[in-house]
Amino acid sequence: MSPTRAPHAPARRPLPGWLLVLPAVLFLCAFFVLPLIGNAARSFEGADGGFTLLRYLVLLGDRFNLGVIAETVALSSVVTVICAVIGYPVAYYLVRHAGRFGGVIIFLLIAPLLTSIIMRTYGWQVLFARRGLVNNFLVQDLGLLDRPLQLLNTPGIAIVALVHVLVPYMVLSIATVLQGIDQRLEEGAQMLGASPWRTFREVTLPLSADGIGTGAILVFMIANGSFVTLVLLGGGFQTLPLLIYQQFTTTRDFGMASAMSVVLLVIALACLYLQLRLVRRQGV
């Protein structure tokens, strides 16, 4: 007699894809989308509980508020340009020439991101205070100055602190794209008589435009909402995040603060829209 075979167990059906992403979608809706909707609704709520556009008319019709919005965009743009100028050479060296030292460079890049923003900002104060390390070195050690320089509470130190923490986003975005560029394209251009500079200008730079665009969007949006660095280091900037903080803590006008935060969100969404329209995505 042949041995009896056990009945086959029914095959398990894989879970549908929508069920796998459902927990993440519910989490984002509960802690991200719904608070944003509530914040936007508060900005349109009138004194009698009705609908009003008065806050936006005041915000967008007042010269001071428009100046704050313009200064916010200008500061973020300056930081973005500096990060691109500094970050591209670093990314190019990291991909093309770093070799076994690439891991060390990446660690040095992300090290500022692993440090608390409070500790990082106070570190700048220790360096550039009137009796800080830089002034003591220039006045006491080298004797180049008769009195300490006023380095804190200046626009330059605030921009330097923002660039210090945001340039890794630019470098990593550009390096990711540079890694996907076939070096044979650059070698072919040079074999056809192009100089290294022309090869970079007409081959490497256009092909890495996606990385520059992605890094610029990331840096701009993060700089656009930066708050702690500008509060602790000063610099005389008056930006939307600082104005929102004043509305919450000083005037207690939560409706106007909500309207300002909506405008800040719209600026960020406009950056994403520009990225989708202006940056060509390969294979999409």
Protein backbone atom coordinates (compact mmCIF):
# COMPACT_ATOMS: atom_id res chain seq x y z
CA MET A 1 0.00 0.00 0.00
CA SER A 2 1.24 3.40 -0.89
CA PRO A 3 1.45 5.87 1.97
CA THR A 4 -1.38 8.33 2.15
CA ARG A 5 -0.44 11.91 1.33
CA ALA A 6 -1.33 14.71 3.65
CA PRO A 7 -3.69 17.25 2.11
CA HIS A 8 -1.98 20.37 0.83
CA ALA A 9 -2.35 23.42 3.08
CA PRO A 10 -4.18 26.27 1.36
CA ALA A 11 -1.80 28.86 -0.06
CA ARG A 12 -1.75 32.16 1.81
CA ARG A 13 -2.90 35.08 -0.22
CA PRO A 14 -0.63 38.14 0.00
CA LEU A 15 -2.05 41.20 1.66
CA PRO A 16 -3.28 43.88 -0.73
CA GLY A 17 -0.94 46.82 -1.22
CA TRP A 18 -3.36 49.40 0.17
CA LEU A 19 -3.57 47.50 3.44
CA LEU A 20 0.21 47.64 3.88
CA VAL A 21 0.36 51.43 3.56
CA LEU A 22 -2.82 52.05 5.56
CA PRO A 23 -1.06 52.47 8.99
CA ALA A 24 1.33 55.07 7.56
CA VAL A 25 -1.51 56.92 5.83
CA LEU A 26 -3.60 56.98 9.02
CA PHE A 27 -0.61 58.22 11.02
CA LEU A 28 0.08 61.05 8.56
CA CYS A 29 -3.60 62.02 8.46
CA ALA A 30 -3.89 62.10 12.25
CA PHE A 31 -0.69 63.96 13.07
CA PHE A 32 0.04 65.95 9.90
CA VAL A 33 -2.92 66.51 7.60
CA LEU A 34 -5.61 67.14 10.22
CA PRO A 35 -3.51 69.67 12.20
CA LEU A 36 -2.77 71.52 8.96
CA ILE A 37 -6.47 71.60 8.09
CA GLY A 38 -7.34 72.82 11.58
CA ASN A 39 -4.67 75.51 11.39
CA ALA A 40 -5.93 76.70 8.00
CA ALA A 41 -9.55 76.72 9.26
CA ARG A 42 -8.52 78.88 12.23
CA SER A 43 -6.99 81.43 9.89
CA PHE A 44 -10.35 81.87 8.10
CA GLU A 45 -12.44 82.01 11.29
CA GLY A 46 -13.94 85.41 12.08
CA ALA A 47 -14.64 86.96 15.46
CA ASP A 48 -18.29 85.84 15.25
CA GLY A 49 -17.35 82.35 14.14
CA GLY A 50 -18.01 83.00 10.45
CA PHE A 51 -15.76 82.96 7.41
CA THR A 52 -13.41 85.88 6.81
CA LEU A 53 -10.45 86.79 4.62
CA LEU A 54 -9.53 89.81 6.73
CA ARG A 55 -6.34 88.30 8.13
CA TYR A 56 -4.99 87.51 4.67
CA LEU A 57 -5.93 90.97 3.42
CA VAL A 58 -4.03 92.50 6.32
CA LEU A 59 -1.10 90.12 5.91
CA LEU A 60 -0.72 90.57 2.15
CA GLY A 61 -1.75 94.22 2.04
CA ASP A 62 0.55 95.61 4.71
CA ARG A 63 3.98 96.84 3.62
CA PHE A 64 5.67 95.57 6.78
CA ASN A 65 4.27 92.04 6.40
CA LEU A 66 5.20 91.96 2.72
CA GLY A 67 8.70 93.04 3.66
CA VAL A 68 8.92 90.17 6.17
CA ILE A 69 7.82 87.68 3.51
CA ALA A 70 10.34 89.10 1.05
CA GLU A 71 13.12 88.95 3.65
CA THR A 72 12.23 85.33 4.44
CA VAL A 73 12.46 84.37 0.77
CA ALA A 74 15.65 86.40 0.26
CA LEU A 75 17.41 84.82 3.25
CA SER A 76 16.45 81.32 2.12
CA SER A 77 17.63 82.09 -1.42
CA VAL A 78 21.01 83.40 -0.24
CA VAL A 79 21.55 80.32 1.94
CA THR A 80 20.54 78.05 -0.96
CA VAL A 81 22.97 79.68 -3.40
CA ILE A 82 25.86 79.50 -0.91
CA CYS A 83 25.09 75.84 -0.18
CA ALA A 84 25.09 75.08 -3.93
CA VAL A 85 28.41 76.87 -4.49
CA ILE A 86 30.04 75.09 -1.56
CA GLY A 87 28.29 71.77 -1.93
CA TYR A 88 28.88 71.01 -5.60
CA PRO A 89 32.71 70.82 -5.41
CA VAL A 90 32.44 68.68 -2.27
CA ALA A 91 29.96 66.34 -3.94
CA TYR A 92 32.11 66.11 -7.08
CA TYR A 93 35.22 65.26 -5.07
CA LEU A 94 33.24 62.76 -2.97
CA VAL A 95 32.04 60.85 -6.04
CA ARG A 96 35.04 61.18 -8.38
CA HIS A 97 38.15 61.34 -6.19
CA ALA A 98 37.43 60.47 -2.53
CA GLY A 99 37.89 56.71 -2.91
CA ARG A 100 38.26 54.98 0.44
CA PHE A 101 37.95 58.32 2.26
CA GLY A 102 34.37 58.71 1.05
CA GLY A 103 32.97 57.28 4.27
CA VAL A 104 34.95 59.76 6.35
CA ILE A 105 33.70 62.67 4.26
CA ILE A 106 30.09 61.50 4.56
CA PHE A 107 30.48 61.19 8.34
CA LEU A 108 31.87 64.72 8.56
CA LEU A 109 28.95 65.94 6.45
CA ILE A 110 26.22 64.40 8.55
CA ALA A 111 27.92 65.04 11.91
CA PRO A 112 26.21 68.45 12.31
CA LEU A 113 22.84 66.77 11.73
CA LEU A 114 23.52 64.38 14.61
CA THR A 115 24.01 67.27 17.05
CA SER A 116 21.19 69.08 18.79
CA ILE A 117 20.39 72.41 17.18
CA ILE A 118 20.63 74.09 20.60
CA MET A 119 24.11 72.71 21.23
CA ARG A 120 25.18 73.60 17.71
CA THR A 121 23.97 77.18 18.04
CA TYR A 122 25.59 77.69 21.44
CA GLY A 123 28.78 76.35 19.91
CA TRP A 124 28.73 79.26 17.46
CA GLN A 125 28.25 81.62 20.39
CA VAL A 126 31.28 80.16 22.17
CA LEU A 127 33.36 80.66 19.03
CA PHE A 128 32.27 84.16 18.05
CA ALA A 129 31.32 85.90 21.31
CA ARG A 130 33.19 89.09 22.29
CA ARG A 131 35.34 86.99 24.60
CA GLY A 132 35.03 83.84 22.53
CA LEU A 133 37.74 81.70 20.99
CA VAL A 134 38.03 83.68 17.75
CA ASN A 135 38.27 87.11 19.39
CA ASN A 136 40.69 85.86 22.06
CA PHE A 137 42.90 84.39 19.36
CA LEU A 138 42.90 87.61 17.30
CA VAL A 139 43.32 90.01 20.24
CA GLN A 140 45.42 88.18 22.83
CA ASP A 141 47.33 85.51 20.92
CA LEU A 142 48.07 87.26 17.64
CA GLY A 143 47.68 90.85 18.75
CA LEU A 144 46.09 91.83 15.44
CA LEU A 145 43.22 93.76 17.05
CA ASP A 146 43.00 96.24 19.89
CA ARG A 147 39.47 95.27 20.84
CA PRO A 148 37.17 92.33 20.11
CA LEU A 149 35.02 92.28 16.99
CA GLN A 150 31.23 92.24 17.15
CA LEU A 151 30.61 88.95 15.37
CA LEU A 152 27.41 87.77 17.02
CA ASN A 153 24.02 89.31 16.20
CA THR A 154 25.15 90.06 12.66
CA PRO A 155 23.62 88.80 9.40
CA GLY A 156 26.82 87.02 8.45
CA ILE A 157 26.97 84.70 11.45
CA ALA A 158 23.30 83.73 11.05
CA ILE A 159 23.86 82.84 7.39
CA VAL A 160 27.04 80.90 8.23
CA ALA A 161 25.20 78.89 10.90
CA LEU A 162 22.38 78.03 8.50
CA VAL A 163 24.80 77.02 5.74
CA HIS A 164 26.74 74.88 8.20
CA VAL A 165 23.75 72.64 8.90
CA LEU A 166 22.07 72.74 5.47
CA VAL A 167 25.00 72.15 3.12
CA PRO A 168 24.93 68.34 3.75
CA TYR A 169 21.48 68.18 2.12
CA MET A 170 22.90 69.83 -0.97
CA VAL A 171 26.01 67.65 -1.09
CA LEU A 172 24.14 64.37 -0.68
CA SER A 173 21.50 65.35 -3.26
CA ILE A 174 24.14 66.22 -5.86
CA ALA A 175 26.36 63.25 -5.04
CA THR A 176 23.47 60.83 -5.55
CA VAL A 177 22.93 62.12 -9.10
CA LEU A 178 26.65 62.30 -9.91
CA GLN A 179 27.02 58.63 -9.02
CA GLY A 180 24.52 57.78 -11.74
CA ILE A 181 26.38 59.68 -14.48
CA ASP A 182 28.42 57.39 -16.72
CA GLN A 183 32.02 58.60 -16.63
CA ARG A 184 32.46 57.37 -20.19
CA LEU A 185 30.43 60.39 -21.31
CA GLU A 186 33.01 62.72 -19.80
CA GLU A 187 35.88 60.66 -21.20
CA GLY A 188 34.29 60.67 -24.65
CA ALA A 189 33.92 64.45 -24.57
CA GLN A 190 37.60 64.88 -23.70
CA MET A 191 38.64 62.40 -26.41
CA LEU A 192 36.75 64.58 -28.91
CA GLY A 193 38.86 67.56 -27.90
CA ALA A 194 36.84 69.21 -25.12
CA SER A 195 38.81 70.70 -22.27
CA PRO A 196 38.08 69.54 -18.70
CA TRP A 197 36.24 72.80 -17.99
CA ARG A 198 34.13 72.52 -21.15
CA THR A 199 33.40 68.87 -20.38
CA PHE A 200 32.18 69.87 -16.94
CA ARG A 201 30.15 72.81 -18.25
CA GLU A 202 28.46 71.00 -21.14
CA VAL A 203 28.27 67.39 -19.93
CA THR A 204 28.59 66.94 -16.16
CA LEU A 205 26.76 70.06 -14.98
CA PRO A 206 23.64 69.61 -17.17
CA LEU A 207 23.38 65.93 -16.24
CA SER A 208 23.60 66.77 -12.55
CA ALA A 209 20.94 69.49 -12.71
CA ASP A 210 18.42 67.16 -11.05
CA GLY A 211 20.61 66.88 -7.96
CA ILE A 212 21.15 70.64 -7.80
CA GLY A 213 17.40 71.23 -8.10
CA THR A 214 16.51 68.67 -5.45
CA GLY A 215 19.14 70.00 -3.05
CA ALA A 216 18.04 73.58 -3.66
CA ILE A 217 14.42 72.73 -2.86
CA LEU A 218 15.40 70.92 0.35
CA VAL A 219 17.73 73.69 1.53
CA PHE A 220 15.29 76.47 0.63
CA MET A 221 12.35 74.89 2.44
CA ILE A 222 14.33 74.11 5.59
CA ALA A 223 15.91 77.58 5.66
CA ASN A 224 12.49 79.07 4.99
CA GLY A 225 11.21 77.64 8.26
CA SER A 226 14.35 78.04 10.38
CA PHE A 227 13.65 79.58 13.77
CA VAL A 228 15.97 78.58 16.61
CA THR A 229 19.18 79.63 14.84
CA LEU A 230 17.85 83.11 14.07
CA VAL A 231 16.50 83.55 17.60
CA LEU A 232 19.73 82.59 19.37
CA LEU A 233 22.23 84.14 16.94
CA GLY A 234 20.20 87.18 15.95
CA GLY A 235 21.44 88.89 12.84
CA GLY A 236 18.68 91.46 12.56
CA PHE A 237 16.54 89.28 10.31
CA GLN A 238 12.78 89.55 10.56
CA THR A 239 11.33 86.40 9.00
CA LEU A 240 7.93 84.74 8.99
CA PRO A 241 8.82 82.07 11.61
CA LEU A 242 9.94 84.81 14.01
CA LEU A 243 6.79 86.80 13.33
CA ILE A 244 4.63 83.72 13.92
CA TYR A 245 6.39 83.19 17.24
CA GLN A 246 5.67 86.79 18.23
CA GLN A 247 2.01 86.38 17.33
CA PHE A 248 1.74 83.31 19.56
CA THR A 249 3.71 84.61 22.56
CA THR A 250 3.26 88.40 22.55
CA THR A 251 0.03 89.46 20.86
CA ARG A 252 -1.71 86.08 21.40
CA ASP A 253 -3.36 86.45 18.00
CA PHE A 254 -3.64 82.80 17.07
CA GLY A 255 -5.72 83.51 13.97
CA MET A 256 -3.07 85.78 12.46
CA ALA A 257 -0.34 83.31 13.41
CA SER A 258 -2.30 80.60 11.59
CA ALA A 259 -2.61 82.79 8.50
CA MET A 260 1.15 83.45 8.52
CA SER A 261 1.87 79.74 8.84
CA VAL A 262 -0.43 79.03 5.90
CA VAL A 263 1.50 81.55 3.80
CA LEU A 264 4.75 79.85 4.87
CA LEU A 265 3.29 76.50 3.83
CA VAL A 266 2.22 77.92 0.46
CA ILE A 267 5.79 79.10 -0.16
CA ALA A 268 7.04 75.57 0.55
CA LEU A 269 4.42 74.03 -1.75
CA ALA A 270 5.38 76.51 -4.47
CA CYS A 271 8.97 75.24 -4.20
CA LEU A 272 7.79 71.67 -4.70
CA TYR A 273 5.72 72.75 -7.68
CA LEU A 274 8.73 74.46 -9.24
CA GLN A 275 10.76 71.32 -8.71
CA LEU A 276 8.18 69.25 -10.57
CA ARG A 277 7.98 71.74 -13.43
CA LEU A 278 11.57 72.85 -13.87
CA VAL A 279 13.65 69.82 -12.92
CA ARG A 280 13.49 67.07 -15.51
CA ARG A 281 13.26 63.70 -13.84
CA GLN A 282 14.89 60.92 -15.79
CA GLY A 283 12.65 57.87 -16.23
CA VAL A 284 9.53 59.57 -14.87
